[in-house]
Amino acid sequence: MLYKNALNDKLKESLLSVLPITLIVLALCIFFIPIDIGLMLSFLIGSVMIIVGMGLFTLGSELSMTQIGNHIGSRMTKSRNLGFILLLSFILGVAITVAEPDLQVLATNTPAINTNVLIITVSVGVGFFLMVSMLRILFGIQLKWLLILFYVIVFLLAALSDKNFLSVAFDSGGVTTGPMTVPFIMALGVGVASIRSDEKAKDDSFGLVALCSIGPILAVLILGFIYPNDTAVSSTIIVNQFADTVSLGTGYIQAFPTYLLEVALALLPIFAFFLLFQFFALHLKKRPFAKILVGILYTYVGLVLFLTGVNVGFSPLGYVLGGAIAESSISWILVPLAMLMGWFIINAEPAVHVLNKQVTELSAGAISEKAMGLTLSIAISGAMGLAMIRVLTGVSILWFMIPGYLIALVLAFFVSPTFTAIAFDAGGVASGPLTATFMLPFAMGVCTALGGNVMTDAFGLVAMVAMMPLITVQIMGAISKYKAAKTGTVDFVSKYSEDEIIELWEAED
C-alpha cells in the first residue's frame, strides 16, 4: 500500500513545477545578483523538500481527503436533515481549510495580522460559504446571481474596510482553493446534489469552489473593521544567515519540531472527525479505511516537508532576491522577470494541463489544448506583470479587481452556466503553490526595499493571478458557443456528468 507508481508520478509533477523557478533563480544569482552562499544552499535544500513534500501531500490528499469527502458527503445526505447538513458543512469547511498549505504560508508571511487569527478567520469564511453553497444546490439557485450579489457586497465592504486588509483579503480567497480544500468540498457537493432528482441537479453541484473562495474575502474584510491597526508594518519573513554547513543543517533540524506540531494540530480536527464518523456512521471495511489512513500519513509528512522547505529556505531567498534586484542597476527587469516567472509557473502547473484538456473536451474540440494553454499563459504572465507594477507604483488593488470581476460577471451572461462554474472553480488552479511561496515573498522584498507598504502593495499578487481564469475560461467558452452556433453542432457540455467535468487537482492516469 505504498502506491509507488502514483507517488513517482506526483514527484515528477512537483519537480516540473518547482524546477523552472529554481533554474531562473540560479541564473539570476550566478550572473547578476550576488547572494550569500549559505542562503543559496538553504534555498536548494528547501526546493528539494518542497518537491518531495508536494508529491507526498498531493498523493496523500487524493488517497484521504477526497475519499473522506466522498464518504461523508454521501452519508450525510441520507439524513435529509437540512440543519444537520448545514452544520456539518460548516464544521468540515473550517476543519479542512485550517490544513490548507497555501493558507498556512500566506498567514505566516502576513504582517500586522496574527497568524492564527488569520487562519481561523479565513476558515470560518469558507465554512459559512460552504453552507451557502449547499443551500444553493438544494434549492437550485443560479450561480451567477449569487456571484453578483456577494461580489457587490465584497466591493462595498472593500470601499469601507481598512485599506491594509484589502489585498490580504483577496489573496485569502485565492489560497484557499488548494489541493486540500477543493477535492473535499467538491465531493460534498456531488453528494448533496444527489438529494435532488431534477435534471439541473448535476449542473448545480458546480460552483462550490467559486462561492467558498468569496467567504475568506468577506471574512478578512470584516476583520479589518475590528482588528487593531498597526501602522508600523514590517515583513514577517525571517532570513537566517548560515555561516557554515553545520549551522545550515542545524537550522533545518531546529525548524522540524515546530512544523511537526503545527501540521499535527492542523490535521487533527479533520482526522478526529473522520474517526468519529467512521465509528458511528461510515463503518468502512478494512482496506478502504487503511487506504485513507495511509493517505493521511502521506499528507502529514508531505505538509511538514513542504512548510519546512518553504519557510527555512525557499521564501527567504525570494524575499532577499526581490529586494536585491529592486536596489540594483537592473531594477528595470522586475516587471518582465515577474511576467517570465508567471509564464513558467502556469506552464509547469499539472492542474492547468488537466483544465486545458477538459475545456477542449467541453467545447467538442472547438478550443484546442494548445490555444487554451497559450491564452492562459499570456493571461497569467500579464497578471504577474501588473502585480509587480502595483508593487512599484502603489496603485490600489481595487483598480484591478473591480474591472476584472465586472468583466467576469458580465461574461457569465454569454456562456453556458457550466463554463461559468468551471471558470470560477478554476480560479485557484493558476495560483498554485509557487505563487504564495516564492512570488509573494519576492514582491514583499521588492516592496520593502523601495519603502512601500507591504500590506497594500505587495499582497494582492495571488488574487490577481487567481482572477485570470475567471475571464479566460469564459472567453474561451464564449468562443466555443459562437462556433457551435455557427456550425450547428450540439451543446457538448450538457452531455457531461458532474464527476467528468472538472478534476483539476489530480491528473488522469
Protein backbone atom coordinates (compact mmCIF):
# COMPACT_ATOMS: atom_id res chain seq x y z
CA MET A 1 0.00 0.00 0.00
CA LEU A 2 2.88 2.34 -0.69
CA TYR A 3 1.49 3.43 -4.10
CA LYS A 4 4.99 3.72 -5.60
CA ASN A 5 3.85 4.37 -9.18
CA ALA A 6 1.39 7.05 -8.14
CA LEU A 7 4.00 8.64 -5.87
CA ASN A 8 6.55 8.70 -8.69
CA ASP A 9 4.03 10.48 -10.90
CA LYS A 10 3.33 13.08 -8.22
CA LEU A 11 7.04 13.64 -7.61
CA LYS A 12 7.57 14.21 -11.35
CA GLU A 13 4.74 16.74 -11.36
CA SER A 14 6.24 18.54 -8.37
CA LEU A 15 9.68 18.56 -9.98
CA LEU A 16 8.30 20.10 -13.18
CA SER A 17 6.51 22.77 -11.11
CA VAL A 18 9.49 23.81 -8.98
CA LEU A 19 12.39 23.33 -11.41
CA PRO A 20 11.74 26.32 -13.75
CA ILE A 21 11.70 28.85 -10.90
CA THR A 22 14.75 27.23 -9.33
CA LEU A 23 16.72 27.50 -12.58
CA ILE A 24 15.69 31.15 -13.09
CA VAL A 25 16.77 31.99 -9.53
CA LEU A 26 20.10 30.21 -10.00
CA ALA A 27 20.76 32.11 -13.24
CA LEU A 28 19.98 35.44 -11.57
CA CYS A 29 22.16 34.70 -8.54
CA ILE A 30 25.11 33.37 -10.55
CA PHE A 31 25.26 36.04 -13.25
CA PHE A 32 23.60 39.22 -11.90
CA ILE A 33 22.74 39.36 -8.19
CA PRO A 34 25.29 38.23 -5.57
CA ILE A 35 23.64 36.14 -2.84
CA ASP A 36 25.13 34.68 0.32
CA ILE A 37 26.22 31.10 -0.43
CA GLY A 38 24.61 29.81 2.78
CA LEU A 39 21.27 31.30 1.77
CA MET A 40 21.60 29.78 -1.71
CA LEU A 41 22.32 26.31 -0.30
CA SER A 42 19.35 26.70 2.03
CA PHE A 43 17.20 27.58 -0.99
CA LEU A 44 18.32 24.48 -2.90
CA ILE A 45 17.63 22.23 0.11
CA GLY A 46 14.25 23.92 0.52
CA SER A 47 13.48 23.31 -3.17
CA VAL A 48 14.16 19.59 -2.80
CA MET A 49 11.99 19.44 0.32
CA ILE A 50 9.17 21.26 -1.47
CA ILE A 51 9.34 18.83 -4.41
CA VAL A 52 9.19 15.79 -2.14
CA GLY A 53 6.64 17.41 0.18
CA MET A 54 4.30 18.42 -2.66
CA GLY A 55 4.50 14.93 -4.14
CA LEU A 56 3.65 13.22 -0.85
CA PHE A 57 0.98 15.77 0.02
CA THR A 58 -0.90 15.66 -3.31
CA LEU A 59 -0.92 11.86 -3.32
CA GLY A 60 -1.99 11.79 0.32
CA SER A 61 -4.76 14.29 -0.33
CA GLU A 62 -6.15 12.13 -3.16
CA LEU A 63 -5.99 8.98 -1.02
CA SER A 64 -7.51 10.54 2.08
CA MET A 65 -9.24 13.92 1.78
CA THR A 66 -11.04 13.19 -1.48
CA GLN A 67 -12.22 9.83 -0.15
CA ILE A 68 -13.31 11.31 3.18
CA GLY A 69 -15.26 13.99 1.35
CA ASN A 70 -16.95 11.40 -0.86
CA HIS A 71 -17.92 9.14 2.02
CA ILE A 72 -19.11 11.90 4.34
CA GLY A 73 -20.94 13.73 1.53
CA SER A 74 -22.92 10.67 0.51
CA ARG A 75 -23.57 9.60 4.09
CA MET A 76 -24.76 12.91 5.50
CA THR A 77 -27.31 13.37 2.70
CA LYS A 78 -29.08 10.20 3.75
CA SER A 79 -30.42 12.01 6.81
CA ARG A 80 -32.17 14.57 4.56
CA ASN A 81 -31.99 16.88 7.58
CA LEU A 82 -31.24 20.40 6.36
CA GLY A 83 -29.97 21.65 9.72
CA PHE A 84 -27.65 18.66 10.09
CA ILE A 85 -26.28 19.08 6.56
CA LEU A 86 -25.60 22.80 7.08
CA LEU A 87 -23.97 22.34 10.49
CA LEU A 88 -21.79 19.52 9.24
CA SER A 89 -20.82 21.53 6.15
CA PHE A 90 -19.71 24.45 8.32
CA ILE A 91 -17.63 22.25 10.63
CA LEU A 92 -15.99 20.43 7.74
CA GLY A 93 -15.33 23.66 5.85
CA VAL A 94 -13.50 25.12 8.84
CA ALA A 95 -11.60 21.91 9.61
CA ILE A 96 -10.34 21.27 6.08
CA THR A 97 -9.33 24.90 5.43
CA VAL A 98 -7.16 25.08 8.54
CA ALA A 99 -4.89 22.46 6.97
CA GLU A 100 -4.61 24.14 3.54
CA PRO A 101 -0.84 24.60 2.94
CA ASP A 102 -1.05 27.80 0.86
CA LEU A 103 -3.14 29.41 3.60
CA GLN A 104 -0.51 28.40 6.15
CA VAL A 105 2.16 30.10 4.03
CA LEU A 106 0.10 33.25 3.48
CA ALA A 107 -0.78 33.58 7.16
CA THR A 108 2.83 33.08 8.21
CA ASN A 109 4.04 35.81 5.84
CA THR A 110 1.31 38.35 6.62
CA PRO A 111 2.48 41.17 8.86
CA ALA A 112 0.13 43.10 11.15
CA ILE A 113 -2.28 40.14 11.48
CA ASN A 114 -1.69 37.28 13.92
CA THR A 115 -1.16 34.02 12.04
CA ASN A 116 -3.76 32.02 13.97
CA VAL A 117 -6.29 34.85 13.80
CA LEU A 118 -5.99 35.00 10.01
CA ILE A 119 -6.23 31.21 9.59
CA ILE A 120 -9.32 30.96 11.80
CA THR A 121 -10.96 33.97 10.11
CA VAL A 122 -10.42 32.54 6.64
CA SER A 123 -11.55 29.06 7.72
CA VAL A 124 -14.78 30.41 9.21
CA GLY A 125 -15.41 32.28 5.96
CA VAL A 126 -15.02 29.07 3.97
CA GLY A 127 -17.24 27.16 6.41
CA PHE A 128 -20.02 29.74 6.19
CA PHE A 129 -19.98 29.84 2.40
CA LEU A 130 -19.88 26.08 2.18
CA MET A 131 -23.26 26.24 3.90
CA VAL A 132 -24.39 28.83 1.34
CA SER A 133 -23.20 26.50 -1.42
CA MET A 134 -25.21 23.62 -0.02
CA LEU A 135 -28.34 25.78 0.12
CA ARG A 136 -27.75 26.79 -3.49
CA ILE A 137 -27.53 23.15 -4.55
CA LEU A 138 -30.60 22.10 -2.57
CA PHE A 139 -32.77 24.96 -3.85
CA GLY A 140 -31.36 25.20 -7.38
CA ILE A 141 -30.32 28.87 -7.23
CA GLN A 142 -28.39 30.06 -10.30
CA LEU A 143 -24.71 30.57 -9.57
CA LYS A 144 -24.31 33.82 -11.48
CA TRP A 145 -26.91 35.65 -9.37
CA LEU A 146 -25.21 34.59 -6.14
CA LEU A 147 -21.82 35.61 -7.52
CA ILE A 148 -23.18 39.04 -8.48
CA LEU A 149 -24.83 39.52 -5.07
CA PHE A 150 -21.82 38.56 -2.99
CA TYR A 151 -19.24 40.37 -5.08
CA VAL A 152 -21.32 43.55 -4.83
CA ILE A 153 -21.16 43.08 -1.04
CA VAL A 154 -17.42 42.38 -1.28
CA PHE A 155 -16.65 45.61 -3.09
CA LEU A 156 -18.97 47.66 -0.89
CA LEU A 157 -17.11 46.37 2.18
CA ALA A 158 -13.80 46.89 0.40
CA ALA A 159 -14.62 50.58 -0.02
CA LEU A 160 -15.23 50.91 3.72
CA SER A 161 -12.73 48.47 5.28
CA ASP A 162 -9.18 49.22 6.40
CA LYS A 163 -7.03 49.50 3.26
CA ASN A 164 -4.32 47.36 4.89
CA PHE A 165 -6.72 44.41 4.76
CA LEU A 166 -7.83 44.75 1.12
CA SER A 167 -5.03 42.91 -0.63
CA VAL A 168 -4.74 40.23 2.06
CA ALA A 169 -8.49 39.64 1.83
CA PHE A 170 -8.39 38.99 -1.92
CA ASP A 171 -5.27 36.84 -1.56
CA SER A 172 -7.06 34.78 1.10
CA GLY A 173 -9.72 33.87 -1.44
CA GLY A 174 -7.03 32.66 -3.84
CA VAL A 175 -5.02 30.48 -1.46
CA THR A 176 -7.99 28.58 -0.01
CA THR A 177 -8.78 26.94 -3.34
CA GLY A 178 -5.96 24.46 -2.97
CA PRO A 179 -5.35 20.71 -3.26
CA MET A 180 -6.64 20.08 0.27
CA THR A 181 -9.88 22.04 0.10
CA VAL A 182 -11.06 21.64 -3.48
CA PRO A 183 -11.42 17.86 -3.82
CA PHE A 184 -13.04 17.67 -0.41
CA ILE A 185 -15.74 20.28 -0.86
CA MET A 186 -16.47 19.21 -4.44
CA ALA A 187 -17.08 15.68 -3.19
CA LEU A 188 -19.50 17.05 -0.61
CA GLY A 189 -21.32 18.99 -3.31
CA VAL A 190 -21.83 15.96 -5.51
CA GLY A 191 -23.22 14.04 -2.54
CA VAL A 192 -25.68 16.78 -1.61
CA ALA A 193 -26.77 17.22 -5.24
CA SER A 194 -27.88 13.59 -5.24
CA ILE A 195 -30.81 14.57 -2.98
CA ARG A 196 -32.43 16.32 -5.93
CA SER A 197 -33.80 14.33 -8.81
CA ASP A 198 -34.26 17.07 -11.42
CA GLU A 199 -32.07 17.39 -14.50
CA LYS A 200 -30.30 20.55 -13.31
CA ALA A 201 -29.06 18.99 -10.05
CA LYS A 202 -25.81 17.91 -11.65
CA ASP A 203 -25.06 21.38 -13.02
CA ASP A 204 -25.82 22.95 -9.66
CA SER A 205 -23.20 20.76 -7.99
CA PHE A 206 -20.60 23.01 -9.59
CA GLY A 207 -19.62 26.37 -8.24
CA LEU A 208 -18.79 25.30 -4.68
CA VAL A 209 -15.20 26.45 -5.00
CA ALA A 210 -16.35 29.71 -6.58
CA LEU A 211 -18.60 30.53 -3.64
CA CYS A 212 -16.23 29.22 -0.98
CA SER A 213 -13.47 31.50 -2.28
CA ILE A 214 -15.72 34.51 -1.56
CA GLY A 215 -16.02 33.59 2.12
CA PRO A 216 -12.39 34.36 3.04
CA ILE A 217 -12.54 37.72 1.24
CA LEU A 218 -15.61 38.83 3.17
CA ALA A 219 -14.30 37.43 6.46
CA VAL A 220 -10.95 39.25 6.24
CA LEU A 221 -12.64 42.50 5.15
CA ILE A 222 -14.91 42.27 8.21
CA LEU A 223 -11.82 41.51 10.33
CA GLY A 224 -10.43 44.84 9.10
CA PHE A 225 -13.21 46.68 10.96
CA ILE A 226 -12.42 45.10 14.34
CA TYR A 227 -8.75 44.11 14.30
CA PRO A 228 -6.32 46.65 15.82
CA ASN A 229 -4.47 48.51 13.07
CA ASP A 230 -0.71 48.74 13.44
CA THR A 231 0.64 51.32 11.06
CA ALA A 232 4.22 50.20 11.67
CA VAL A 233 4.06 47.14 9.46
CA SER A 234 7.20 45.14 8.75
CA SER A 235 7.84 41.88 6.97
CA THR A 236 7.42 38.65 8.91
CA ILE A 237 9.79 36.68 6.70
CA ILE A 238 12.82 35.60 8.72
CA VAL A 239 16.08 35.40 6.77
CA ASN A 240 18.59 33.18 8.55
CA GLN A 241 22.32 33.64 7.93
CA PHE A 242 24.18 30.34 7.84
CA ALA A 243 27.93 30.59 8.49
CA ASP A 244 28.68 27.00 7.51
CA THR A 245 27.09 23.69 6.56
CA VAL A 246 26.66 22.67 10.20
CA SER A 247 24.66 25.80 11.04
CA LEU A 248 22.62 25.24 7.88
CA GLY A 249 21.75 21.70 8.90
CA THR A 250 21.04 22.84 12.44
CA GLY A 251 18.65 25.50 11.13
CA TYR A 252 16.56 22.89 9.33
CA ILE A 253 16.68 20.41 12.20
CA GLN A 254 15.54 23.08 14.67
CA ALA A 255 12.64 24.02 12.40
CA PHE A 256 11.26 20.48 12.11
CA PRO A 257 9.68 20.22 15.61
CA THR A 258 7.76 23.46 15.01
CA TYR A 259 6.16 22.21 11.81
CA LEU A 260 5.66 18.68 13.11
CA LEU A 261 3.46 20.18 15.81
CA GLU A 262 1.75 22.80 13.62
CA VAL A 263 0.77 20.31 10.93
CA ALA A 264 -0.40 17.79 13.52
CA LEU A 265 -2.66 20.41 15.08
CA ALA A 266 -3.93 21.46 11.62
CA LEU A 267 -4.81 17.92 10.56
CA LEU A 268 -6.13 16.76 13.93
CA PRO A 269 -9.68 18.21 13.58
CA ILE A 270 -10.43 16.56 10.23
CA PHE A 271 -8.73 13.32 11.31
CA ALA A 272 -10.70 13.17 14.57
CA PHE A 273 -13.93 13.97 12.75
CA PHE A 274 -13.28 11.17 10.28
CA LEU A 275 -12.62 8.64 13.05
CA LEU A 276 -15.84 9.60 14.82
CA PHE A 277 -17.79 9.39 11.57
CA GLN A 278 -16.20 6.04 10.80
CA PHE A 279 -17.11 4.65 14.22
CA PHE A 280 -20.71 5.90 14.34
CA ALA A 281 -21.82 6.06 10.70
CA LEU A 282 -19.45 5.02 7.90
CA HIS A 283 -18.18 1.62 9.07
CA LEU A 284 -15.74 1.35 6.18
CA LYS A 285 -14.14 -2.01 5.53
CA LYS A 286 -10.53 -2.66 6.46
CA ARG A 287 -8.92 -1.95 3.08
CA PRO A 288 -10.57 1.44 2.24
CA PHE A 289 -10.09 2.51 5.87
CA ALA A 290 -6.40 1.61 5.74
CA LYS A 291 -6.08 3.44 2.41
CA ILE A 292 -7.37 6.65 4.00
CA LEU A 293 -5.01 6.26 6.97
CA VAL A 294 -2.04 5.84 4.61
CA GLY A 295 -3.21 8.94 2.75
CA ILE A 296 -3.39 10.96 5.95
CA LEU A 297 0.15 9.84 6.83
CA TYR A 298 1.40 10.92 3.39
CA THR A 299 -0.43 14.23 3.79
CA TYR A 300 1.15 14.82 7.19
CA VAL A 301 4.72 14.04 6.14
CA GLY A 302 4.30 16.00 2.90
CA LEU A 303 2.99 19.09 4.68
CA VAL A 304 5.83 19.04 7.22
CA LEU A 305 8.46 18.82 4.47
CA PHE A 306 6.69 21.43 2.35
CA LEU A 307 6.30 24.05 5.09
CA THR A 308 9.82 23.49 6.43
CA GLY A 309 11.34 23.89 2.96
CA VAL A 310 9.23 26.97 2.24
CA ASN A 311 9.86 28.84 5.48
CA VAL A 312 13.53 27.98 6.04
CA GLY A 313 14.96 28.13 2.54
CA PHE A 314 12.56 28.92 -0.29
CA SER A 315 10.65 32.04 0.73
CA PRO A 316 13.62 33.80 2.42
CA LEU A 317 15.67 33.74 -0.75
CA GLY A 318 12.71 35.02 -2.76
CA TYR A 319 12.42 37.91 -0.31
CA VAL A 320 16.15 38.72 -0.40
CA LEU A 321 16.37 38.37 -4.18
CA GLY A 322 13.42 40.70 -4.74
CA GLY A 323 14.96 43.35 -2.51
CA ALA A 324 18.41 42.98 -4.08
CA ILE A 325 17.07 43.39 -7.62
CA ALA A 326 15.00 46.43 -6.60
CA GLU A 327 18.15 48.12 -5.24
CA SER A 328 20.39 47.09 -8.14
CA SER A 329 21.16 48.65 -11.51
CA ILE A 330 18.91 46.13 -13.24
CA SER A 331 15.74 47.05 -11.34
CA TRP A 332 14.10 47.64 -14.72
CA ILE A 333 13.96 43.86 -15.12
CA LEU A 334 11.38 43.42 -12.31
CA VAL A 335 8.25 43.60 -14.46
CA PRO A 336 9.49 41.39 -17.35
CA LEU A 337 11.03 38.99 -14.81
CA ALA A 338 7.70 38.64 -12.99
CA MET A 339 5.99 38.02 -16.33
CA LEU A 340 8.59 35.37 -17.23
CA MET A 341 8.14 33.61 -13.89
CA GLY A 342 4.38 33.73 -14.30
CA TRP A 343 4.70 32.12 -17.72
CA PHE A 344 6.75 29.22 -16.36
CA ILE A 345 4.66 28.81 -13.21
CA ILE A 346 1.43 28.35 -15.14
CA ASN A 347 3.00 26.09 -17.76
CA ALA A 348 4.54 23.86 -15.11
CA GLU A 349 1.33 23.51 -13.08
CA PRO A 350 -0.09 19.99 -13.71
CA ALA A 351 -3.62 21.03 -12.76
CA VAL A 352 -3.59 23.63 -15.52
CA HIS A 353 -2.90 20.99 -18.16
CA VAL A 354 -5.88 18.99 -16.89
CA LEU A 355 -8.01 22.13 -17.07
CA ASN A 356 -6.90 22.78 -20.66
CA LYS A 357 -7.76 19.22 -21.65
CA GLN A 358 -11.21 19.37 -20.14
CA VAL A 359 -12.04 22.73 -21.71
CA THR A 360 -11.12 21.15 -25.05
CA GLU A 361 -13.46 18.24 -24.35
CA LEU A 362 -16.25 20.52 -23.18
CA SER A 363 -16.01 22.55 -26.38
CA ALA A 364 -16.03 19.39 -28.54
CA GLY A 365 -12.63 20.35 -29.91
CA ALA A 366 -13.58 23.91 -30.82
CA ILE A 367 -10.94 25.10 -28.34
CA SER A 368 -7.66 23.20 -28.59
CA GLU A 369 -5.49 22.43 -25.58
CA LYS A 370 -2.71 24.46 -27.19
CA ALA A 371 -4.94 27.51 -27.68
CA MET A 372 -6.28 27.30 -24.13
CA GLY A 373 -2.81 26.83 -22.70
CA LEU A 374 -1.39 29.76 -24.67
CA THR A 375 -4.28 32.03 -23.69
CA LEU A 376 -3.94 31.16 -20.01
CA SER A 377 -0.15 31.55 -20.10
CA ILE A 378 -0.42 35.03 -21.59
CA ALA A 379 -3.10 35.98 -19.06
CA ILE A 380 -1.13 34.79 -16.02
CA SER A 381 2.07 36.33 -17.31
CA GLY A 382 0.23 39.62 -17.70
CA ALA A 383 -1.25 39.29 -14.19
CA MET A 384 2.21 38.85 -12.71
CA GLY A 385 3.45 41.89 -14.60
CA LEU A 386 0.52 44.02 -13.40
CA ALA A 387 1.04 42.79 -9.85
CA MET A 388 4.66 43.92 -9.99
CA ILE A 389 3.57 47.30 -11.39
CA ARG A 390 1.32 47.57 -8.33
CA VAL A 391 4.31 46.92 -6.09
CA LEU A 392 6.36 49.59 -7.88
CA THR A 393 3.62 52.24 -8.02
CA GLY A 394 1.39 51.57 -5.01
CA VAL A 395 -1.81 51.60 -7.10
CA SER A 396 -4.79 50.27 -5.14
CA ILE A 397 -5.77 46.69 -5.89
CA LEU A 398 -9.37 47.80 -6.40
CA TRP A 399 -8.38 49.41 -9.70
CA PHE A 400 -7.68 45.89 -10.95
CA MET A 401 -10.17 43.78 -9.01
CA ILE A 402 -13.31 45.78 -9.80
CA PRO A 403 -12.89 45.83 -13.62
CA GLY A 404 -11.65 42.21 -13.62
CA TYR A 405 -14.60 40.80 -11.70
CA LEU A 406 -17.02 43.04 -13.58
CA ILE A 407 -15.82 41.55 -16.86
CA ALA A 408 -16.03 38.02 -15.41
CA LEU A 409 -19.59 38.54 -14.15
CA VAL A 410 -20.77 40.10 -17.43
CA LEU A 411 -19.30 37.16 -19.36
CA ALA A 412 -21.44 34.84 -17.22
CA PHE A 413 -24.49 36.01 -19.22
CA PHE A 414 -22.92 34.99 -22.54
CA VAL A 415 -21.64 31.48 -21.80
CA SER A 416 -23.16 28.27 -20.52
CA PRO A 417 -23.62 28.02 -16.72
CA THR A 418 -21.21 25.08 -16.66
CA PHE A 419 -18.43 27.13 -18.24
CA THR A 420 -19.06 29.90 -15.71
CA ALA A 421 -18.91 27.44 -12.83
CA ILE A 422 -15.72 25.88 -14.15
CA ALA A 423 -14.12 29.29 -14.68
CA PHE A 424 -14.81 30.42 -11.13
CA ASP A 425 -13.94 27.00 -9.70
CA ALA A 426 -10.66 27.07 -11.62
CA GLY A 427 -9.58 30.39 -10.13
CA GLY A 428 -7.28 28.62 -7.72
CA VAL A 429 -5.62 26.50 -10.39
CA ALA A 430 -3.44 29.34 -11.63
CA SER A 431 -2.43 30.44 -8.14
CA GLY A 432 -0.51 27.26 -7.44
CA PRO A 433 1.89 26.69 -4.54
CA LEU A 434 4.77 28.64 -6.08
CA THR A 435 2.75 31.86 -6.27
CA ALA A 436 2.32 32.06 -2.50
CA THR A 437 5.67 30.51 -1.56
CA PHE A 438 8.03 32.40 -3.87
CA MET A 439 6.39 35.15 -5.90
CA LEU A 440 4.66 36.75 -2.91
CA PRO A 441 7.88 36.89 -0.80
CA PHE A 442 9.68 38.16 -3.90
CA ALA A 443 7.14 41.00 -4.20
CA MET A 444 7.44 41.69 -0.45
CA GLY A 445 11.21 42.00 -0.82
CA VAL A 446 10.82 44.47 -3.67
CA CYS A 447 8.25 46.48 -1.74
CA THR A 448 10.37 46.63 1.43
CA ALA A 449 13.47 47.71 -0.49
CA LEU A 450 11.54 50.54 -2.14
CA GLY A 451 10.00 51.69 1.15
CA GLY A 452 6.43 50.78 0.14
CA ASN A 453 3.55 49.44 2.24
CA VAL A 454 3.82 45.65 2.20
CA MET A 455 0.19 45.11 3.23
CA THR A 456 -1.30 47.27 0.48
CA ASP A 457 1.24 46.95 -2.33
CA ALA A 458 2.90 43.51 -2.19
CA PHE A 459 -0.14 41.47 -1.18
CA GLY A 460 -2.78 41.04 -3.85
CA LEU A 461 -0.45 39.18 -6.21
CA VAL A 462 -2.16 35.84 -5.58
CA ALA A 463 -5.58 37.45 -6.08
CA MET A 464 -4.65 38.91 -9.45
CA VAL A 465 -3.34 35.56 -10.68
CA ALA A 466 -6.44 33.74 -9.38
CA MET A 467 -8.72 36.23 -11.17
CA MET A 468 -7.41 35.47 -14.66
CA PRO A 469 -9.05 32.04 -15.25
CA LEU A 470 -12.41 33.63 -14.42
CA ILE A 471 -12.04 35.73 -17.54
CA THR A 472 -10.03 33.50 -19.89
CA VAL A 473 -12.04 30.29 -19.41
CA GLN A 474 -15.31 32.16 -20.01
CA ILE A 475 -13.90 33.92 -23.08
CA MET A 476 -12.96 30.53 -24.47
CA GLY A 477 -16.44 29.29 -23.53
CA ALA A 478 -17.99 32.19 -25.46
CA ILE A 479 -15.83 31.34 -28.47
CA SER A 480 -16.96 27.72 -28.20
CA LYS A 481 -20.61 28.78 -28.02
CA TYR A 482 -20.20 31.04 -31.06
CA LYS A 483 -18.55 28.28 -33.11
CA ALA A 484 -21.23 25.79 -32.07
CA ALA A 485 -23.99 28.19 -33.14
CA LYS A 486 -22.25 28.91 -36.42
CA THR A 487 -21.74 25.25 -37.30
CA GLY A 488 -24.99 24.00 -35.82
CA THR A 489 -23.26 21.47 -33.56
CA VAL A 490 -24.84 20.09 -30.37
CA ASP A 491 -24.04 21.62 -26.99
CA PHE A 492 -21.42 19.20 -25.75
CA VAL A 493 -21.45 20.46 -22.20
CA SER A 494 -24.89 19.11 -21.45
CA LYS A 495 -23.70 15.56 -22.15
CA TYR A 496 -21.18 15.54 -19.32
CA SER A 497 -21.78 14.28 -15.82
CA GLU A 498 -20.58 16.13 -12.76
CA ASP A 499 -17.65 13.87 -11.97
CA GLU A 500 -16.32 14.04 -15.54
CA ILE A 501 -16.17 17.77 -15.99
CA ILE A 502 -13.66 19.04 -13.50
CA GLU A 503 -10.96 17.19 -11.63
CA LEU A 504 -8.46 19.98 -11.55
CA TRP A 505 -6.39 18.75 -8.69
CA GLU A 506 -5.39 15.35 -9.94
CA ALA A 507 -4.12 14.26 -13.31
CA GLU A 508 -5.66 11.25 -15.00
CA ASP A 509 -3.59 8.07 -15.10
